[in-house]
């Protein structure tokens, strides 16, 4: 039996929702349903009852949940003790990261990782998606954390998170009280975009195109390669933009910028971990890759 199936079942039991559990586990709902089906086939008994009101546990499901928690806790304890028996994690690692995760998420992960493994030396190189992929291919960086569309290349690629995006506008008139824009109103607004080669720009264009918005109809007044420059330009009233919420925590908290939605158009992007298999064999690389898959990775 796969231990991940028990973890998946425990997540459903805790959330009471296949959808929410799938989001927490960063897998698709069909993949999660298939794992539960394999558990039910293994035990030859129904574990979940599904209805319009959601998902509930059968008697067998409640029993399995109790054991799943105990088994997964024991397995985590075992992994921890095995980690302690291995040689200490030490060495150098160069991490490439795209602008948003590199500027607003990965630094916190590096800090937490360094606290756990103080003998390591981690370096961070930030650029747009094109630059980071090029550095990964040329082995300038050992691993890369990339937001945007799924990339391809001669390396392993693993999805580690989903990132919400939003339209940002100045927190002043005429935006006071506005919670969303209609698509037809959005295309008329002066728009500040990331440069070509940015993963965020690719995702934005794909989201808008999928919703039937002609990219050539956008009123793009400025293209900037710096996330901070875009935020400053929007705050000054030079236009609006679309940006990851990871990069906006301070501004939204301080109310210097305001987040609005485009009605009917979800804006999300994936975050991926990429690395050449042969470059990820060092102790520090294996430990960092494993760490980034954990909820405790501590994205800022």
Protein backbone atom coordinates (compact mmCIF):
# COMPACT_ATOMS: atom_id res chain seq x y z
CA UNK A 1 0.00 0.00 0.00
CA UNK A 2 1.21 3.50 -0.84
CA UNK A 3 1.62 5.72 2.25
CA UNK A 4 0.55 8.71 0.12
CA UNK A 5 -2.91 7.11 -0.28
CA UNK A 6 -3.35 7.18 3.49
CA UNK A 7 -2.19 10.80 3.61
CA UNK A 8 -4.70 11.65 0.88
CA UNK A 9 -7.52 9.89 2.71
CA UNK A 10 -6.66 11.70 5.96
CA UNK A 11 -6.74 15.04 4.10
CA UNK A 12 -10.26 14.31 2.80
CA UNK A 13 -11.41 13.27 6.26
CA UNK A 14 -10.05 16.49 7.80
CA UNK A 15 -11.45 18.86 5.16
CA UNK A 16 -14.67 17.00 4.33
CA UNK A 17 -14.07 17.98 0.69
CA UNK A 18 -12.36 16.25 -2.22
CA UNK A 19 -11.79 19.62 -3.87
CA UNK A 20 -10.17 21.23 -0.83
CA UNK A 21 -8.08 18.14 -0.09
CA UNK A 22 -6.84 18.05 -3.69
CA UNK A 23 -5.80 21.71 -3.46
CA UNK A 24 -3.94 21.12 -0.20
CA UNK A 25 -2.14 18.10 -1.68
CA UNK A 26 -1.41 19.90 -5.00
CA UNK A 27 -2.95 17.13 -7.09
CA UNK A 28 -5.98 17.04 -9.34
CA UNK A 29 -9.35 15.93 -8.00
CA UNK A 30 -9.55 12.99 -10.48
CA UNK A 31 -6.12 11.80 -9.30
CA UNK A 32 -7.25 12.03 -5.68
CA UNK A 33 -10.47 10.15 -6.43
CA UNK A 34 -8.42 7.40 -8.08
CA UNK A 35 -6.27 7.03 -4.97
CA UNK A 36 -9.36 6.63 -2.79
CA UNK A 37 -10.78 4.10 -5.23
CA UNK A 38 -7.58 2.08 -4.94
CA UNK A 39 -7.89 2.13 -1.15
CA UNK A 40 -11.51 0.96 -1.37
CA UNK A 41 -10.46 -1.81 -3.76
CA UNK A 42 -7.61 -2.82 -1.45
CA UNK A 43 -9.89 -3.13 1.59
CA UNK A 44 -12.93 -4.24 -0.46
CA UNK A 45 -15.20 -1.82 1.38
CA UNK A 46 -16.67 1.63 0.83
CA UNK A 47 -14.83 4.36 2.72
CA UNK A 48 -16.62 7.54 1.62
CA UNK A 49 -20.21 8.57 1.04
CA UNK A 50 -20.67 11.33 -1.51
CA UNK A 51 -23.77 13.55 -1.71
CA UNK A 52 -24.80 17.03 -2.73
CA UNK A 53 -23.88 18.17 0.79
CA UNK A 54 -20.28 16.97 0.43
CA UNK A 55 -18.24 13.96 1.46
CA UNK A 56 -18.62 11.98 4.69
CA UNK A 57 -16.94 8.90 6.13
CA UNK A 58 -18.53 5.49 6.40
CA UNK A 59 -17.91 3.41 9.51
CA UNK A 60 -15.00 1.80 7.68
CA UNK A 61 -13.79 5.24 6.67
CA UNK A 62 -13.76 6.45 10.27
CA UNK A 63 -11.76 3.39 11.29
CA UNK A 64 -9.29 3.91 8.46
CA UNK A 65 -8.93 7.59 9.33
CA UNK A 66 -7.92 6.73 12.91
CA UNK A 67 -5.28 4.31 11.67
CA UNK A 68 -4.17 6.62 8.83
CA UNK A 69 -3.31 9.38 11.30
CA UNK A 70 -1.34 6.98 13.49
CA UNK A 71 0.44 5.33 10.55
CA UNK A 72 1.39 8.59 8.83
CA UNK A 73 2.59 10.07 12.14
CA UNK A 74 4.75 7.00 12.73
CA UNK A 75 6.06 7.17 9.16
CA UNK A 76 7.00 10.84 9.61
CA UNK A 77 8.77 9.95 12.85
CA UNK A 78 10.62 7.15 11.05
CA UNK A 79 11.70 9.51 8.25
CA UNK A 80 12.92 12.04 10.79
CA UNK A 81 14.99 9.45 12.63
CA UNK A 82 16.40 8.11 9.35
CA UNK A 83 17.39 11.67 8.41
CA UNK A 84 19.22 11.96 11.70
CA UNK A 85 21.15 8.74 11.01
CA UNK A 86 22.30 9.95 7.60
CA UNK A 87 25.39 12.06 7.20
CA UNK A 88 24.72 15.68 8.09
CA UNK A 89 23.46 17.86 5.26
CA UNK A 90 26.20 20.18 4.10
CA UNK A 91 27.52 21.72 0.91
CA UNK A 92 26.61 24.47 -1.54
CA UNK A 93 23.54 24.89 -3.72
CA UNK A 94 22.67 27.61 -6.23
CA UNK A 95 18.95 28.19 -6.63
CA UNK A 96 17.41 29.97 -9.59
CA UNK A 97 14.00 31.55 -9.13
CA UNK A 98 11.64 33.64 -11.20
CA UNK A 99 10.87 37.20 -10.11
CA UNK A 100 7.85 36.75 -7.84
CA UNK A 101 8.81 33.55 -6.01
CA UNK A 102 12.43 34.64 -6.02
CA UNK A 103 11.65 38.00 -4.49
CA UNK A 104 8.77 37.17 -2.18
CA UNK A 105 8.70 33.44 -1.36
CA UNK A 106 11.98 31.53 -1.74
CA UNK A 107 14.05 33.81 0.56
CA UNK A 108 11.94 32.71 3.54
CA UNK A 109 12.34 29.07 2.49
CA UNK A 110 16.12 29.49 2.34
CA UNK A 111 16.12 31.03 5.83
CA UNK A 112 14.09 28.13 7.29
CA UNK A 113 16.24 25.55 5.46
CA UNK A 114 19.42 27.19 6.76
CA UNK A 115 18.09 27.07 10.31
CA UNK A 116 17.54 23.33 9.89
CA UNK A 117 20.83 22.71 8.06
CA UNK A 118 23.30 25.41 9.18
CA UNK A 119 26.26 23.74 7.43
CA UNK A 120 24.78 24.47 4.00
CA UNK A 121 25.61 27.41 1.72
CA UNK A 122 22.65 28.48 -0.43
CA UNK A 123 22.79 31.14 -3.12
CA UNK A 124 19.76 32.64 -4.90
CA UNK A 125 19.78 33.96 -8.48
CA UNK A 126 16.60 35.76 -9.58
CA UNK A 127 15.48 36.45 -13.16
CA UNK A 128 12.53 36.04 -15.49
CA UNK A 129 11.45 32.58 -16.63
CA UNK A 130 13.52 32.62 -19.83
CA UNK A 131 16.67 33.57 -17.92
CA UNK A 132 16.13 31.00 -15.17
CA UNK A 133 15.51 28.17 -17.63
CA UNK A 134 18.63 29.15 -19.56
CA UNK A 135 20.68 29.13 -16.34
CA UNK A 136 19.27 25.70 -15.44
CA UNK A 137 20.18 24.28 -18.86
CA UNK A 138 23.67 25.77 -18.65
CA UNK A 139 24.09 24.42 -15.09
CA UNK A 140 24.63 27.91 -13.67
CA UNK A 141 21.94 27.03 -11.11
CA UNK A 142 21.36 23.60 -9.58
CA UNK A 143 17.59 23.81 -9.02
CA UNK A 144 14.98 26.32 -10.13
CA UNK A 145 11.68 27.52 -8.65
CA UNK A 146 9.50 28.83 -11.46
CA UNK A 147 6.09 30.47 -11.58
CA UNK A 148 4.02 30.49 -14.75
CA UNK A 149 3.17 27.93 -17.39
CA UNK A 150 4.70 24.47 -17.12
CA UNK A 151 8.12 24.54 -18.74
CA UNK A 152 9.82 21.82 -20.74
CA UNK A 153 13.42 20.83 -21.07
CA UNK A 154 16.01 18.21 -20.15
CA UNK A 155 15.14 18.20 -16.48
CA UNK A 156 12.66 16.93 -13.92
CA UNK A 157 9.67 19.24 -13.36
CA UNK A 158 7.43 18.98 -10.27
CA UNK A 159 4.45 21.14 -9.31
CA UNK A 160 4.78 22.35 -5.71
CA UNK A 161 2.13 25.07 -5.28
CA UNK A 162 -0.71 27.08 -6.82
CA UNK A 163 -0.49 30.85 -6.74
CA UNK A 164 -3.48 33.22 -6.79
CA UNK A 165 -3.21 36.34 -8.93
CA UNK A 166 -5.26 39.54 -8.90
CA UNK A 167 -5.75 42.83 -10.66
CA UNK A 168 -4.14 45.67 -8.70
CA UNK A 169 -5.34 49.28 -8.80
CA UNK A 170 -4.55 52.43 -6.78
CA UNK A 171 -6.43 52.56 -3.48
CA UNK A 172 -8.16 55.85 -4.34
CA UNK A 173 -10.83 57.25 -6.61
CA UNK A 174 -12.26 56.10 -8.93
CA UNK A 175 -11.53 52.64 -7.47
CA UNK A 176 -13.00 53.09 -3.99
CA UNK A 177 -15.75 50.54 -3.42
CA UNK A 178 -14.97 48.55 -6.58
CA UNK A 179 -14.57 44.81 -6.08
CA UNK A 180 -14.45 43.67 -9.70
CA UNK A 181 -14.13 44.79 -13.30
CA UNK A 182 -16.21 43.51 -16.18
CA UNK A 183 -14.02 42.06 -18.96
CA UNK A 184 -15.15 44.76 -21.39
CA UNK A 185 -14.11 47.43 -18.88
CA UNK A 186 -10.79 45.75 -18.12
CA UNK A 187 -9.58 45.92 -21.74
CA UNK A 188 -10.10 49.70 -21.76
CA UNK A 189 -7.87 50.31 -18.75
CA UNK A 190 -4.23 51.42 -19.15
CA UNK A 191 -2.37 48.19 -18.40
CA UNK A 192 1.15 47.77 -17.04
CA UNK A 193 2.58 44.36 -17.94
CA UNK A 194 5.67 42.32 -17.21
CA UNK A 195 8.19 42.02 -20.03
CA UNK A 196 8.12 39.28 -22.67
CA UNK A 197 9.91 36.21 -21.32
CA UNK A 198 8.19 36.53 -17.95
CA UNK A 199 6.29 33.45 -16.78
CA UNK A 200 3.69 35.68 -15.12
CA UNK A 201 3.03 37.46 -18.41
CA UNK A 202 2.53 34.11 -20.17
CA UNK A 203 -0.01 33.03 -17.55
CA UNK A 204 -1.88 36.36 -17.69
CA UNK A 205 -2.13 36.22 -21.49
CA UNK A 206 -3.26 32.58 -21.38
CA UNK A 207 -5.93 33.27 -18.72
CA UNK A 208 -7.29 36.23 -20.67
CA UNK A 209 -7.19 34.38 -24.02
CA UNK A 210 -9.03 31.41 -22.50
CA UNK A 211 -11.76 33.82 -21.38
CA UNK A 212 -12.16 35.13 -24.92
CA UNK A 213 -10.21 38.37 -24.53
CA UNK A 214 -8.14 39.32 -27.58
CA UNK A 215 -4.63 40.05 -26.28
CA UNK A 216 -4.05 42.54 -29.08
CA UNK A 217 -6.98 44.59 -27.76
CA UNK A 218 -5.30 45.23 -24.40
CA UNK A 219 -4.35 48.84 -23.71
CA UNK A 220 -0.75 48.14 -22.66
CA UNK A 221 0.90 51.45 -21.76
CA UNK A 222 4.06 50.15 -20.11
CA UNK A 223 6.19 46.99 -19.83
CA UNK A 224 8.44 46.63 -16.79
CA UNK A 225 10.75 43.83 -15.64
CA UNK A 226 10.63 44.77 -11.96
CA UNK A 227 7.72 43.76 -9.75
CA UNK A 228 8.43 46.66 -7.39
CA UNK A 229 8.47 49.11 -10.31
CA UNK A 230 5.06 47.87 -11.45
CA UNK A 231 3.62 48.29 -7.95
CA UNK A 232 5.04 51.82 -7.74
CA UNK A 233 3.62 52.75 -11.15
CA UNK A 234 0.16 51.43 -10.23
CA UNK A 235 0.24 53.20 -6.87
CA UNK A 236 1.12 56.44 -8.67
CA UNK A 237 -1.95 56.06 -10.89
CA UNK A 238 -0.19 55.30 -14.20
CA UNK A 239 -2.29 52.20 -14.87
CA UNK A 240 -3.44 48.87 -13.47
CA UNK A 241 -1.71 45.50 -13.54
CA UNK A 242 -2.13 41.80 -12.77
CA UNK A 243 0.18 40.35 -10.15
CA UNK A 244 0.69 37.42 -7.80
CA UNK A 245 -0.76 37.89 -4.33
CA UNK A 246 2.56 36.59 -2.97
CA UNK A 247 4.10 39.92 -4.00
CA UNK A 248 1.32 42.08 -2.58
CA UNK A 249 1.01 41.18 1.10
CA UNK A 250 2.61 44.38 2.39
CA UNK A 251 0.77 46.71 -0.01
CA UNK A 252 -2.64 45.14 0.57
CA UNK A 253 -2.08 45.19 4.33
CA UNK A 254 -1.01 48.84 4.26
CA UNK A 255 -3.79 49.64 1.77
CA UNK A 256 -1.49 51.40 -0.68
CA UNK A 257 -2.90 49.15 -3.40
CA UNK A 258 -6.29 47.52 -3.86
CA UNK A 259 -7.07 44.08 -5.33
CA UNK A 260 -10.03 43.63 -7.66
CA UNK A 261 -11.21 40.68 -9.75
CA UNK A 262 -12.11 40.44 -13.41
CA UNK A 263 -15.65 39.09 -13.22
CA UNK A 264 -15.85 35.50 -14.42
CA UNK A 265 -12.12 35.13 -15.09
CA UNK A 266 -10.07 33.12 -12.55
CA UNK A 267 -6.43 34.18 -12.36
CA UNK A 268 -4.08 31.48 -11.06
CA UNK A 269 -0.63 30.23 -11.86
CA UNK A 270 1.35 27.17 -10.86
CA UNK A 271 4.72 27.13 -9.15
CA UNK A 272 7.14 24.43 -10.29
CA UNK A 273 10.42 22.99 -9.11
CA UNK A 274 12.82 22.03 -11.90
CA UNK A 275 16.25 20.39 -11.81
CA UNK A 276 18.56 18.19 -13.81
CA UNK A 277 18.50 14.75 -12.25
CA UNK A 278 22.27 14.37 -12.34
CA UNK A 279 22.71 17.78 -10.66
CA UNK A 280 20.36 16.88 -7.81
CA UNK A 281 22.37 14.00 -6.39
CA UNK A 282 24.20 15.93 -3.69
CA UNK A 283 22.96 15.66 -0.12
CA UNK A 284 22.03 19.35 0.04
CA UNK A 285 20.17 19.25 -3.29
CA UNK A 286 18.12 16.20 -2.28
CA UNK A 287 17.29 17.77 1.07
CA UNK A 288 16.25 21.10 -0.47
CA UNK A 289 14.07 19.45 -3.12
CA UNK A 290 12.33 17.37 -0.46
CA UNK A 291 11.92 20.47 1.74
CA UNK A 292 10.21 22.49 -1.01
CA UNK A 293 7.54 19.81 -1.31
CA UNK A 294 6.56 20.28 2.34
CA UNK A 295 3.91 22.73 3.62
CA UNK A 296 6.58 23.87 6.10
CA UNK A 297 8.69 25.29 3.23
CA UNK A 298 7.55 28.68 4.53
CA UNK A 299 6.89 30.73 1.41
CA UNK A 300 6.79 34.34 2.67
